[in-house]
Amino acid sequence: MAAIKAAIPDACGTVRGGELVCTITLQPTPVSRIYTVRITYRHRRRPRVTVTDPPLALHPDATALPHVYPNGDLCLHLPSEWSEHMFLADTILPWTSAWLLHYELWLVLGRWTGSGHEHAVPTLSDRIR
């Protein structure tokens, strides 16, 4: 939590029972919206990152958000790209900001511009077929 607060001084969070729960605000670019994000982390597990406000919208042609897990957590990295020895402030925070930037571009372009594995995101035209 100390490293997160050093990076984002207005971050709020607690560590209880071995679990960090932190709320931060991120704005990927000066013209971007401001997002409220919750990070939940328990040692030796994958950090869980969820946008809590504003609700994430869909591109008009999409039926699902790209690069999210079924529970709504953001898909920020491949399993091999993050380990428990890394600071969340050095990895998860910038990766979340990058995800939000690619999300904003996806809303306009209809295609994911970030890296990572292709996620099958059905479009409305796919559903009609």
C-alpha atoms as a PDB file:
ATOM      1  CA  MET A   1       0.000   0.000   0.000  1.00  0.00           C
ATOM      2  CA  ALA A   2       2.904   2.353   0.727  1.00  0.00           C
ATOM      3  CA  ALA A   3       4.212   2.034  -2.844  1.00  0.00           C
ATOM      4  CA  ILE A   4       0.736   2.655  -4.267  1.00  0.00           C
ATOM      5  CA  LYS A   5       0.295   5.762  -2.079  1.00  0.00           C
ATOM      6  CA  ALA A   6       3.717   6.999  -3.189  1.00  0.00           C
ATOM      7  CA  ALA A   7       2.545   6.746  -6.815  1.00  0.00           C
ATOM      8  CA  ILE A   8      -1.024   7.957  -6.195  1.00  0.00           C
ATOM      9  CA  PRO A   9      -1.214   9.973  -2.970  1.00  0.00           C
ATOM     10  CA  ASP A  10      -5.033  10.026  -2.864  1.00  0.00           C
ATOM     11  CA  ALA A  11      -5.244   6.204  -2.973  1.00  0.00           C
ATOM     12  CA  CYS A  12      -7.312   4.711  -0.164  1.00  0.00           C
ATOM     13  CA  GLY A  13      -6.866   1.194   1.063  1.00  0.00           C
ATOM     14  CA  THR A  14      -6.528  -1.306   3.822  1.00  0.00           C
ATOM     15  CA  VAL A  15      -4.711  -4.534   4.468  1.00  0.00           C
ATOM     16  CA  ARG A  16      -6.755  -6.960   6.552  1.00  0.00           C
ATOM     17  CA  GLY A  17      -6.363 -10.674   6.929  1.00  0.00           C
ATOM     18  CA  GLY A  18      -3.549 -10.703   4.406  1.00  0.00           C
ATOM     19  CA  GLU A  19      -5.610  -8.999   1.679  1.00  0.00           C
ATOM     20  CA  LEU A  20      -5.023  -5.535   0.247  1.00  0.00           C
ATOM     21  CA  VAL A  21      -8.100  -3.684  -0.958  1.00  0.00           C
ATOM     22  CA  CYS A  22      -7.309  -0.343  -2.531  1.00  0.00           C
ATOM     23  CA  THR A  23      -9.321   2.280  -4.394  1.00  0.00           C
ATOM     24  CA  ILE A  24      -7.620   4.689  -6.774  1.00  0.00           C
ATOM     25  CA  THR A  25      -8.588   7.128  -9.484  1.00  0.00           C
ATOM     26  CA  LEU A  26      -6.889   6.994 -12.859  1.00  0.00           C
ATOM     27  CA  GLN A  27      -7.061   9.243 -15.890  1.00  0.00           C
ATOM     28  CA  PRO A  28      -5.110   7.644 -18.765  1.00  0.00           C
ATOM     29  CA  THR A  29      -4.689  10.928 -20.693  1.00  0.00           C
ATOM     30  CA  PRO A  30      -5.527  14.566 -19.932  1.00  0.00           C
ATOM     31  CA  VAL A  31      -8.635  14.291 -22.152  1.00  0.00           C
ATOM     32  CA  SER A  32      -9.751  10.927 -20.736  1.00  0.00           C
ATOM     33  CA  ARG A  33     -12.495  10.323 -18.240  1.00  0.00           C
ATOM     34  CA  ILE A  34     -11.530   9.804 -14.628  1.00  0.00           C
ATOM     35  CA  TYR A  35     -12.019   6.201 -13.534  1.00  0.00           C
ATOM     36  CA  THR A  36     -12.365   4.800 -10.045  1.00  0.00           C
ATOM     37  CA  VAL A  37     -10.608   1.448  -9.811  1.00  0.00           C
ATOM     38  CA  ARG A  38     -10.549  -1.175  -7.060  1.00  0.00           C
ATOM     39  CA  ILE A  39      -7.481  -3.390  -6.671  1.00  0.00           C
ATOM     40  CA  THR A  40      -7.717  -6.486  -4.523  1.00  0.00           C
ATOM     41  CA  TYR A  41      -4.575  -8.479  -3.859  1.00  0.00           C
ATOM     42  CA  ARG A  42      -3.775 -11.475  -1.720  1.00  0.00           C
ATOM     43  CA  HIS A  43      -0.169 -12.714  -1.664  1.00  0.00           C
ATOM     44  CA  ARG A  44       0.585 -15.438  -4.234  1.00  0.00           C
ATOM     45  CA  ARG A  45      -2.623 -14.748  -6.169  1.00  0.00           C
ATOM     46  CA  ARG A  46      -3.335 -12.700  -9.252  1.00  0.00           C
ATOM     47  CA  PRO A  47      -4.224  -9.088  -8.451  1.00  0.00           C
ATOM     48  CA  ARG A  48      -7.863  -8.410  -9.237  1.00  0.00           C
ATOM     49  CA  VAL A  49      -8.627  -5.043 -10.821  1.00  0.00           C
ATOM     50  CA  THR A  50     -12.147  -3.744 -11.382  1.00  0.00           C
ATOM     51  CA  VAL A  51     -13.413  -0.425 -12.677  1.00  0.00           C
ATOM     52  CA  THR A  52     -16.110   0.666 -10.240  1.00  0.00           C
ATOM     53  CA  ASP A  53     -17.012   4.021 -11.775  1.00  0.00           C
ATOM     54  CA  PRO A  54     -18.104   4.960 -14.342  1.00  0.00           C
ATOM     55  CA  PRO A  55     -19.751   1.761 -15.556  1.00  0.00           C
ATOM     56  CA  LEU A  56     -17.850   0.487 -18.582  1.00  0.00           C
ATOM     57  CA  ALA A  57     -19.844   0.886 -21.781  1.00  0.00           C
ATOM     58  CA  LEU A  58     -19.827  -1.287 -24.875  1.00  0.00           C
ATOM     59  CA  HIS A  59     -18.867  -0.336 -28.386  1.00  0.00           C
ATOM     60  CA  PRO A  60     -22.111  -0.199 -30.423  1.00  0.00           C
ATOM     61  CA  ASP A  61     -21.137  -3.357 -32.357  1.00  0.00           C
ATOM     62  CA  ALA A  62     -20.012  -5.379 -29.317  1.00  0.00           C
ATOM     63  CA  THR A  63     -21.861  -7.649 -26.925  1.00  0.00           C
ATOM     64  CA  ALA A  64     -19.037  -7.938 -24.384  1.00  0.00           C
ATOM     65  CA  LEU A  65     -16.057  -5.983 -23.123  1.00  0.00           C
ATOM     66  CA  PRO A  66     -12.669  -7.041 -24.487  1.00  0.00           C
ATOM     67  CA  HIS A  67      -9.861  -8.205 -22.226  1.00  0.00           C
ATOM     68  CA  VAL A  68     -11.921  -8.826 -19.112  1.00  0.00           C
ATOM     69  CA  TYR A  69     -12.456 -11.997 -17.135  1.00  0.00           C
ATOM     70  CA  PRO A  70     -15.991 -13.386 -16.816  1.00  0.00           C
ATOM     71  CA  ASN A  71     -16.296 -11.830 -13.336  1.00  0.00           C
ATOM     72  CA  GLY A  72     -15.526  -8.341 -14.730  1.00  0.00           C
ATOM     73  CA  ASP A  73     -11.898  -8.120 -13.576  1.00  0.00           C
ATOM     74  CA  LEU A  74      -9.608  -6.500 -16.124  1.00  0.00           C
ATOM     75  CA  CYS A  75      -7.214  -8.767 -18.028  1.00  0.00           C
ATOM     76  CA  LEU A  76      -3.997  -6.777 -17.680  1.00  0.00           C
ATOM     77  CA  HIS A  77      -1.223  -9.264 -18.361  1.00  0.00           C
ATOM     78  CA  LEU A  78      -0.290 -12.748 -19.429  1.00  0.00           C
ATOM     79  CA  PRO A  79       0.416 -15.152 -16.552  1.00  0.00           C
ATOM     80  CA  SER A  80       4.160 -15.010 -17.228  1.00  0.00           C
ATOM     81  CA  GLU A  81       4.325 -11.191 -17.167  1.00  0.00           C
ATOM     82  CA  TRP A  82       3.640 -10.667 -13.474  1.00  0.00           C
ATOM     83  CA  SER A  83       4.964 -12.337 -10.344  1.00  0.00           C
ATOM     84  CA  GLU A  84       4.353 -11.865  -6.637  1.00  0.00           C
ATOM     85  CA  HIS A  85       7.785 -10.247  -6.287  1.00  0.00           C
ATOM     86  CA  MET A  86       6.762  -7.207  -8.335  1.00  0.00           C
ATOM     87  CA  PHE A  87       5.304  -4.052  -6.853  1.00  0.00           C
ATOM     88  CA  LEU A  88       1.698  -3.380  -7.803  1.00  0.00           C
ATOM     89  CA  ALA A  89       2.624   0.296  -8.139  1.00  0.00           C
ATOM     90  CA  ASP A  90       5.220  -0.521 -10.818  1.00  0.00           C
ATOM     91  CA  THR A  91       3.119  -3.009 -12.781  1.00  0.00           C
ATOM     92  CA  ILE A  92      -0.593  -3.159 -12.106  1.00  0.00           C
ATOM     93  CA  LEU A  93      -1.099   0.620 -11.866  1.00  0.00           C
ATOM     94  CA  PRO A  94       0.473   1.502 -15.240  1.00  0.00           C
ATOM     95  CA  TRP A  95      -1.038  -1.601 -16.857  1.00  0.00           C
ATOM     96  CA  THR A  96      -4.475  -0.554 -15.630  1.00  0.00           C
ATOM     97  CA  SER A  97      -3.983   2.945 -17.011  1.00  0.00           C
ATOM     98  CA  ALA A  98      -2.892   1.455 -20.357  1.00  0.00           C
ATOM     99  CA  TRP A  99      -5.938  -0.862 -20.342  1.00  0.00           C
ATOM    100  CA  LEU A 100      -8.197   2.155 -19.809  1.00  0.00           C
ATOM    101  CA  LEU A 101      -6.559   4.002 -22.703  1.00  0.00           C
ATOM    102  CA  HIS A 102      -7.076   1.000 -25.011  1.00  0.00           C
ATOM    103  CA  TYR A 103     -10.646   0.703 -23.754  1.00  0.00           C
ATOM    104  CA  GLU A 104     -11.318   4.332 -24.731  1.00  0.00           C
ATOM    105  CA  LEU A 105      -9.834   3.707 -28.182  1.00  0.00           C
ATOM    106  CA  TRP A 106     -11.919   0.524 -28.514  1.00  0.00           C
ATOM    107  CA  LEU A 107     -15.078   2.519 -27.804  1.00  0.00           C
ATOM    108  CA  VAL A 108     -14.269   4.706 -30.821  1.00  0.00           C
ATOM    109  CA  LEU A 109     -12.577   2.244 -33.197  1.00  0.00           C
ATOM    110  CA  GLY A 110     -14.337  -1.005 -32.358  1.00  0.00           C
ATOM    111  CA  ARG A 111     -11.046  -2.921 -32.182  1.00  0.00           C
ATOM    112  CA  TRP A 112      -8.634  -3.487 -29.324  1.00  0.00           C
ATOM    113  CA  THR A 113      -5.356  -1.653 -29.929  1.00  0.00           C
ATOM    114  CA  GLY A 114      -3.458  -3.103 -26.973  1.00  0.00           C
ATOM    115  CA  SER A 115      -1.208  -6.112 -26.911  1.00  0.00           C
ATOM    116  CA  GLY A 116      -1.968  -9.526 -25.500  1.00  0.00           C
ATOM    117  CA  HIS A 117      -3.818 -12.549 -26.707  1.00  0.00           C
ATOM    118  CA  GLU A 118      -6.821 -11.985 -28.878  1.00  0.00           C
ATOM    119  CA  HIS A 119      -9.989 -12.422 -26.896  1.00  0.00           C
ATOM    120  CA  ALA A 120     -13.021 -13.545 -28.799  1.00  0.00           C
ATOM    121  CA  VAL A 121     -15.375 -10.609 -28.415  1.00  0.00           C
ATOM    122  CA  PRO A 122     -18.648 -11.308 -30.187  1.00  0.00           C
ATOM    123  CA  THR A 123     -20.146  -8.476 -32.196  1.00  0.00           C
ATOM    124  CA  LEU A 124     -23.832  -7.941 -32.877  1.00  0.00           C
ATOM    125  CA  SER A 125     -23.346  -9.182 -36.439  1.00  0.00           C
ATOM    126  CA  ASP A 126     -21.768 -12.392 -35.067  1.00  0.00           C
ATOM    127  CA  ARG A 127     -24.848 -12.954 -32.888  1.00  0.00           C
ATOM    128  CA  ILE A 128     -27.219 -12.565 -35.837  1.00  0.00           C
ATOM    129  CA  ARG A 129     -25.456 -15.223 -37.925  1.00  0.00           C
END
